[in-house]
N, C-alpha and C. Protein backbone atom coordinates (compact mmCIF):
# COMPACT_ATOMS: atom_id res chain seq x y z
N MET A 1 20.92 2.46 -6.87
CA MET A 1 21.10 3.75 -7.50
C MET A 1 22.52 4.23 -7.22
N LYS A 2 23.15 4.72 -8.23
CA LYS A 2 24.52 5.17 -8.06
C LYS A 2 24.57 6.48 -7.29
N ILE A 3 25.64 6.67 -6.57
CA ILE A 3 25.84 7.87 -5.78
C ILE A 3 25.88 9.11 -6.67
N SER A 4 26.54 9.01 -7.81
CA SER A 4 26.64 10.17 -8.69
C SER A 4 25.26 10.60 -9.19
N HIS A 5 24.39 9.63 -9.45
CA HIS A 5 23.04 9.96 -9.89
C HIS A 5 22.27 10.66 -8.77
N LYS A 6 22.42 10.16 -7.54
CA LYS A 6 21.76 10.79 -6.40
C LYS A 6 22.23 12.23 -6.23
N ARG A 7 23.51 12.47 -6.40
CA ARG A 7 24.05 13.82 -6.26
C ARG A 7 23.46 14.74 -7.33
N LYS A 8 23.34 14.25 -8.56
CA LYS A 8 22.78 15.07 -9.63
C LYS A 8 21.32 15.42 -9.34
N VAL A 9 20.58 14.45 -8.87
CA VAL A 9 19.18 14.69 -8.56
C VAL A 9 19.05 15.70 -7.43
N GLN A 10 19.84 15.53 -6.39
CA GLN A 10 19.80 16.46 -5.27
C GLN A 10 20.21 17.86 -5.70
N PHE A 11 21.20 17.96 -6.57
CA PHE A 11 21.66 19.25 -7.06
C PHE A 11 20.54 19.95 -7.84
N LYS A 12 19.84 19.19 -8.68
CA LYS A 12 18.75 19.77 -9.46
C LYS A 12 17.61 20.23 -8.55
N LEU A 13 17.30 19.44 -7.54
CA LEU A 13 16.24 19.82 -6.61
C LEU A 13 16.61 21.08 -5.85
N ASN A 14 17.84 21.16 -5.38
CA ASN A 14 18.29 22.34 -4.65
C ASN A 14 18.29 23.56 -5.54
N LYS A 15 18.68 23.37 -6.79
CA LYS A 15 18.72 24.47 -7.74
C LYS A 15 17.31 25.01 -7.96
N ARG A 16 16.34 24.11 -8.11
CA ARG A 16 14.97 24.52 -8.33
C ARG A 16 14.40 25.24 -7.12
N VAL A 17 14.75 24.77 -5.92
CA VAL A 17 14.25 25.40 -4.71
C VAL A 17 14.84 26.79 -4.56
N LYS A 18 16.11 26.97 -4.86
CA LYS A 18 16.73 28.28 -4.76
C LYS A 18 16.11 29.26 -5.75
N ALA A 19 15.76 28.79 -6.94
CA ALA A 19 15.20 29.67 -7.95
C ALA A 19 13.81 30.16 -7.57
N THR A 20 13.07 29.38 -6.81
CA THR A 20 11.72 29.77 -6.45
C THR A 20 11.61 30.35 -5.05
N SER A 21 12.72 30.58 -4.40
CA SER A 21 12.66 31.14 -3.05
C SER A 21 12.14 32.57 -3.11
N PRO A 22 11.39 33.02 -2.11
CA PRO A 22 10.80 34.35 -2.15
C PRO A 22 11.84 35.47 -2.10
N ALA A 23 13.04 35.20 -1.64
CA ALA A 23 14.06 36.24 -1.55
C ALA A 23 14.49 36.69 -2.95
N ARG A 24 14.42 35.83 -3.94
CA ARG A 24 14.86 36.18 -5.28
C ARG A 24 13.76 36.82 -6.11
N GLN A 25 12.55 36.75 -5.67
CA GLN A 25 11.46 37.33 -6.43
C GLN A 25 11.34 38.82 -6.13
N ARG A 26 10.87 39.56 -7.13
CA ARG A 26 10.70 40.99 -6.94
C ARG A 26 9.50 41.26 -6.04
N PRO A 27 9.59 42.24 -5.17
CA PRO A 27 8.44 42.56 -4.34
C PRO A 27 7.32 43.18 -5.19
N VAL A 28 6.11 42.86 -4.86
CA VAL A 28 4.96 43.37 -5.58
C VAL A 28 4.44 44.59 -4.84
N LYS A 29 4.25 45.68 -5.58
CA LYS A 29 3.72 46.90 -4.97
C LYS A 29 2.22 46.79 -4.90
N THR A 30 1.69 47.06 -3.72
CA THR A 30 0.24 46.99 -3.54
C THR A 30 -0.28 48.37 -3.17
N GLN A 31 -1.48 48.66 -3.63
CA GLN A 31 -2.12 49.92 -3.28
C GLN A 31 -3.14 49.65 -2.20
N PRO A 32 -3.27 50.55 -1.24
CA PRO A 32 -4.26 50.33 -0.19
C PRO A 32 -5.67 50.36 -0.78
N VAL A 33 -6.49 49.44 -0.31
CA VAL A 33 -7.86 49.32 -0.81
C VAL A 33 -8.79 49.93 0.23
N ALA A 34 -9.73 50.75 -0.23
CA ALA A 34 -10.70 51.35 0.68
C ALA A 34 -11.66 50.29 1.18
N ALA A 35 -12.09 50.42 2.42
CA ALA A 35 -13.00 49.44 3.01
C ALA A 35 -14.36 49.54 2.33
N ALA A 36 -14.85 48.41 1.88
CA ALA A 36 -16.14 48.38 1.20
C ALA A 36 -17.26 48.32 2.23
N LYS A 37 -18.33 49.09 1.97
CA LYS A 37 -19.47 49.08 2.87
C LYS A 37 -20.37 47.93 2.49
N PRO A 38 -20.79 47.10 3.45
CA PRO A 38 -21.67 45.97 3.12
C PRO A 38 -23.05 46.47 2.72
N ALA A 39 -23.55 45.98 1.63
CA ALA A 39 -24.88 46.35 1.16
C ALA A 39 -25.90 45.39 1.74
N PRO A 40 -27.06 45.89 2.20
CA PRO A 40 -28.05 44.99 2.78
C PRO A 40 -28.64 44.02 1.75
N ALA A 41 -28.68 44.38 0.48
CA ALA A 41 -29.24 43.51 -0.55
C ALA A 41 -28.24 42.45 -1.02
N ALA A 42 -27.00 42.54 -0.56
CA ALA A 42 -25.96 41.61 -1.01
C ALA A 42 -26.12 40.22 -0.37
N ALA A 43 -26.74 40.12 0.78
CA ALA A 43 -26.88 38.83 1.45
C ALA A 43 -27.70 37.82 0.66
N PRO A 44 -28.88 38.16 0.11
CA PRO A 44 -29.61 37.17 -0.68
C PRO A 44 -28.87 36.79 -1.97
N ALA A 45 -28.17 37.74 -2.56
CA ALA A 45 -27.42 37.43 -3.78
C ALA A 45 -26.27 36.47 -3.47
N ALA A 46 -25.65 36.63 -2.30
CA ALA A 46 -24.55 35.73 -1.93
C ALA A 46 -25.07 34.32 -1.69
N ALA A 47 -26.24 34.18 -1.10
CA ALA A 47 -26.81 32.86 -0.86
C ALA A 47 -27.15 32.17 -2.17
N ALA A 48 -27.61 32.94 -3.14
CA ALA A 48 -27.94 32.36 -4.44
C ALA A 48 -26.70 31.90 -5.18
N SER A 49 -25.60 32.66 -5.06
CA SER A 49 -24.38 32.28 -5.76
C SER A 49 -23.74 31.05 -5.13
N ILE A 50 -23.94 30.85 -3.82
CA ILE A 50 -23.39 29.67 -3.16
C ILE A 50 -24.09 28.42 -3.66
N SER A 51 -25.40 28.46 -3.78
CA SER A 51 -26.13 27.28 -4.23
C SER A 51 -25.82 26.95 -5.68
N VAL A 52 -25.45 27.95 -6.48
CA VAL A 52 -25.12 27.71 -7.87
C VAL A 52 -23.77 27.00 -7.98
N SER A 53 -22.83 27.31 -7.12
CA SER A 53 -21.49 26.76 -7.22
C SER A 53 -21.35 25.38 -6.56
N LEU A 54 -22.42 24.82 -6.05
CA LEU A 54 -22.35 23.51 -5.40
C LEU A 54 -22.40 22.39 -6.43
N THR A 55 -21.64 21.35 -6.14
CA THR A 55 -21.69 20.15 -6.97
C THR A 55 -22.95 19.36 -6.62
N PRO A 56 -23.34 18.40 -7.45
CA PRO A 56 -24.53 17.61 -7.12
C PRO A 56 -24.41 16.87 -5.78
N LYS A 57 -23.22 16.39 -5.48
CA LYS A 57 -23.01 15.70 -4.20
C LYS A 57 -23.17 16.67 -3.03
N GLN A 58 -22.60 17.87 -3.16
CA GLN A 58 -22.72 18.87 -2.10
C GLN A 58 -24.18 19.29 -1.93
N GLN A 59 -24.90 19.42 -3.04
CA GLN A 59 -26.31 19.79 -2.98
C GLN A 59 -27.13 18.70 -2.29
N GLN A 60 -26.80 17.44 -2.57
CA GLN A 60 -27.49 16.32 -1.93
C GLN A 60 -27.24 16.32 -0.43
N VAL A 61 -25.99 16.55 -0.03
CA VAL A 61 -25.65 16.60 1.40
C VAL A 61 -26.36 17.78 2.07
N LEU A 62 -26.40 18.93 1.39
CA LEU A 62 -27.08 20.10 1.94
C LEU A 62 -28.57 19.83 2.13
N ASP A 63 -29.20 19.17 1.19
CA ASP A 63 -30.62 18.84 1.31
C ASP A 63 -30.87 17.92 2.50
N ILE A 64 -29.99 16.94 2.70
CA ILE A 64 -30.14 16.02 3.83
C ILE A 64 -29.98 16.75 5.16
N VAL A 65 -29.01 17.67 5.23
CA VAL A 65 -28.78 18.44 6.47
C VAL A 65 -29.97 19.36 6.74
N GLN A 66 -30.52 19.98 5.70
CA GLN A 66 -31.66 20.87 5.89
C GLN A 66 -32.91 20.10 6.29
N ALA A 67 -33.01 18.83 5.89
CA ALA A 67 -34.15 18.02 6.27
C ALA A 67 -34.11 17.60 7.74
N ASN A 68 -32.95 17.73 8.38
CA ASN A 68 -32.79 17.37 9.80
C ASN A 68 -32.43 18.62 10.60
N PRO A 69 -33.41 19.40 11.05
CA PRO A 69 -33.11 20.66 11.75
C PRO A 69 -32.44 20.46 13.11
N GLU A 70 -32.60 19.28 13.73
CA GLU A 70 -31.96 19.05 15.03
C GLU A 70 -30.49 18.71 14.89
N GLY A 71 -30.03 18.44 13.67
CA GLY A 71 -28.63 18.11 13.42
C GLY A 71 -28.46 16.65 13.06
N ILE A 72 -27.42 16.35 12.31
CA ILE A 72 -27.16 14.99 11.86
C ILE A 72 -25.66 14.78 11.75
N ASN A 73 -25.21 13.57 12.05
CA ASN A 73 -23.77 13.28 11.98
C ASN A 73 -23.40 12.83 10.56
N PRO A 74 -22.12 12.84 10.20
CA PRO A 74 -21.70 12.47 8.84
C PRO A 74 -22.13 11.06 8.43
N LYS A 75 -22.11 10.12 9.36
CA LYS A 75 -22.52 8.76 9.02
C LYS A 75 -24.00 8.72 8.68
N GLY A 76 -24.80 9.46 9.41
CA GLY A 76 -26.23 9.53 9.13
C GLY A 76 -26.51 10.15 7.77
N ILE A 77 -25.71 11.15 7.39
CA ILE A 77 -25.86 11.78 6.08
C ILE A 77 -25.55 10.78 4.98
N GLY A 78 -24.46 10.04 5.14
CA GLY A 78 -24.08 9.05 4.14
C GLY A 78 -25.10 7.94 4.01
N LEU A 79 -25.64 7.49 5.13
CA LEU A 79 -26.66 6.44 5.09
C LEU A 79 -27.95 6.94 4.44
N ALA A 80 -28.30 8.21 4.71
CA ALA A 80 -29.50 8.78 4.09
C ALA A 80 -29.32 8.93 2.58
N ALA A 81 -28.06 9.08 2.15
CA ALA A 81 -27.78 9.21 0.72
C ALA A 81 -27.69 7.86 0.04
N GLY A 82 -27.75 6.77 0.80
CA GLY A 82 -27.75 5.44 0.22
C GLY A 82 -26.37 4.81 0.13
N GLN A 83 -25.43 5.28 0.90
CA GLN A 83 -24.08 4.70 0.89
C GLN A 83 -24.03 3.48 1.82
N GLU A 84 -22.96 2.69 1.65
CA GLU A 84 -22.76 1.53 2.52
C GLU A 84 -22.43 1.99 3.93
N ASP A 85 -22.64 1.12 4.89
CA ASP A 85 -22.41 1.45 6.29
C ASP A 85 -20.95 1.81 6.56
N SER A 86 -20.02 1.11 5.91
CA SER A 86 -18.59 1.34 6.18
C SER A 86 -18.07 2.60 5.50
N LYS A 87 -18.71 3.05 4.41
CA LYS A 87 -18.21 4.20 3.66
C LYS A 87 -19.02 5.47 3.90
N ALA A 88 -20.07 5.40 4.68
CA ALA A 88 -21.03 6.50 4.79
C ALA A 88 -20.39 7.79 5.31
N ALA A 89 -19.63 7.72 6.39
CA ALA A 89 -19.07 8.93 6.99
C ALA A 89 -18.02 9.56 6.10
N SER A 90 -17.15 8.77 5.52
CA SER A 90 -16.10 9.33 4.68
C SER A 90 -16.66 9.89 3.38
N TRP A 91 -17.79 9.37 2.91
CA TRP A 91 -18.41 9.87 1.69
C TRP A 91 -18.91 11.29 1.91
N ALA A 92 -19.47 11.56 3.07
CA ALA A 92 -20.08 12.86 3.34
C ALA A 92 -19.07 13.90 3.81
N THR A 93 -17.93 13.49 4.30
CA THR A 93 -16.99 14.42 4.94
C THR A 93 -16.47 15.50 4.00
N GLY A 94 -16.12 15.13 2.78
CA GLY A 94 -15.58 16.12 1.84
C GLY A 94 -16.57 17.21 1.51
N ALA A 95 -17.81 16.83 1.25
CA ALA A 95 -18.84 17.81 0.94
C ALA A 95 -19.16 18.67 2.16
N LEU A 96 -19.17 18.06 3.34
CA LEU A 96 -19.45 18.83 4.56
C LEU A 96 -18.37 19.87 4.83
N LYS A 97 -17.12 19.53 4.54
CA LYS A 97 -16.03 20.47 4.75
C LYS A 97 -16.21 21.70 3.87
N LYS A 98 -16.54 21.50 2.60
CA LYS A 98 -16.75 22.61 1.67
C LYS A 98 -17.96 23.44 2.09
N LEU A 99 -19.05 22.79 2.49
CA LEU A 99 -20.24 23.52 2.92
C LEU A 99 -19.99 24.32 4.19
N THR A 100 -19.15 23.80 5.08
CA THR A 100 -18.81 24.52 6.30
C THR A 100 -17.98 25.76 5.98
N GLU A 101 -17.03 25.63 5.04
CA GLU A 101 -16.21 26.78 4.64
C GLU A 101 -17.07 27.87 4.00
N GLU A 102 -18.07 27.47 3.24
CA GLU A 102 -18.96 28.43 2.58
C GLU A 102 -19.91 29.10 3.56
N GLY A 103 -20.10 28.51 4.73
CA GLY A 103 -20.99 29.07 5.74
C GLY A 103 -22.43 28.64 5.58
N VAL A 104 -22.69 27.61 4.80
CA VAL A 104 -24.04 27.12 4.58
C VAL A 104 -24.45 26.16 5.68
N VAL A 105 -23.46 25.40 6.19
CA VAL A 105 -23.70 24.40 7.23
C VAL A 105 -22.85 24.75 8.45
N GLU A 106 -23.41 24.54 9.63
CA GLU A 106 -22.70 24.82 10.88
C GLU A 106 -22.26 23.52 11.53
N ARG A 107 -21.00 23.48 11.96
CA ARG A 107 -20.44 22.30 12.62
C ARG A 107 -20.55 22.50 14.13
N VAL A 108 -21.18 21.54 14.81
CA VAL A 108 -21.38 21.63 16.26
C VAL A 108 -20.70 20.44 16.91
N GLN A 109 -19.78 20.73 17.87
CA GLN A 109 -19.07 19.69 18.60
C GLN A 109 -19.92 19.27 19.79
N VAL A 110 -20.43 18.04 19.77
CA VAL A 110 -21.31 17.56 20.84
C VAL A 110 -20.48 17.03 22.00
N ALA A 111 -19.60 16.09 21.73
CA ALA A 111 -18.71 15.54 22.75
C ALA A 111 -17.28 15.70 22.21
N SER A 112 -16.33 15.10 22.88
CA SER A 112 -14.94 15.27 22.47
C SER A 112 -14.69 14.74 21.07
N ASN A 113 -15.38 13.68 20.66
CA ASN A 113 -15.17 13.13 19.34
C ASN A 113 -16.46 13.00 18.53
N LYS A 114 -17.52 13.62 18.98
CA LYS A 114 -18.80 13.56 18.27
C LYS A 114 -19.14 14.93 17.69
N VAL A 115 -19.53 14.92 16.40
CA VAL A 115 -19.84 16.17 15.70
C VAL A 115 -21.16 15.99 14.97
N ILE A 116 -21.99 17.05 15.02
CA ILE A 116 -23.20 17.06 14.21
C ILE A 116 -23.18 18.32 13.36
N TYR A 117 -23.92 18.28 12.27
CA TYR A 117 -24.00 19.42 11.35
C TYR A 117 -25.42 19.89 11.27
N LYS A 118 -25.59 21.24 11.31
CA LYS A 118 -26.90 21.86 11.22
C LYS A 118 -26.87 22.90 10.10
N ALA A 119 -28.01 23.10 9.47
CA ALA A 119 -28.12 24.14 8.44
C ALA A 119 -28.16 25.50 9.12
N CYS A 120 -27.51 26.48 8.53
CA CYS A 120 -27.49 27.84 9.09
C CYS A 120 -28.75 28.60 8.75
């Protein structure tokens, strides 16, 4: 690659970075929002909306975790779903991460490198 071409590419990249820097953007005016009071009937509605937004894979993983109340590791979830032994843990990890963020599944650290998942 020629040096002049490298310089042009670097110049374009730097130009693009400068244009998108936050210092050049206009500040957005925000209005203070009043604190919303939690409604007691909102909890069941939130649980229903979570189950609606799950993909089939996430729903399958959730069913497997709920079937094991004592907890189950990612490899066990993958094997219960019918995955190969070598791919079982990595297959379940993505869905477990999403379910943990949603608060449907609880992640429990058993040992320094051992984790099990339980339904909330």
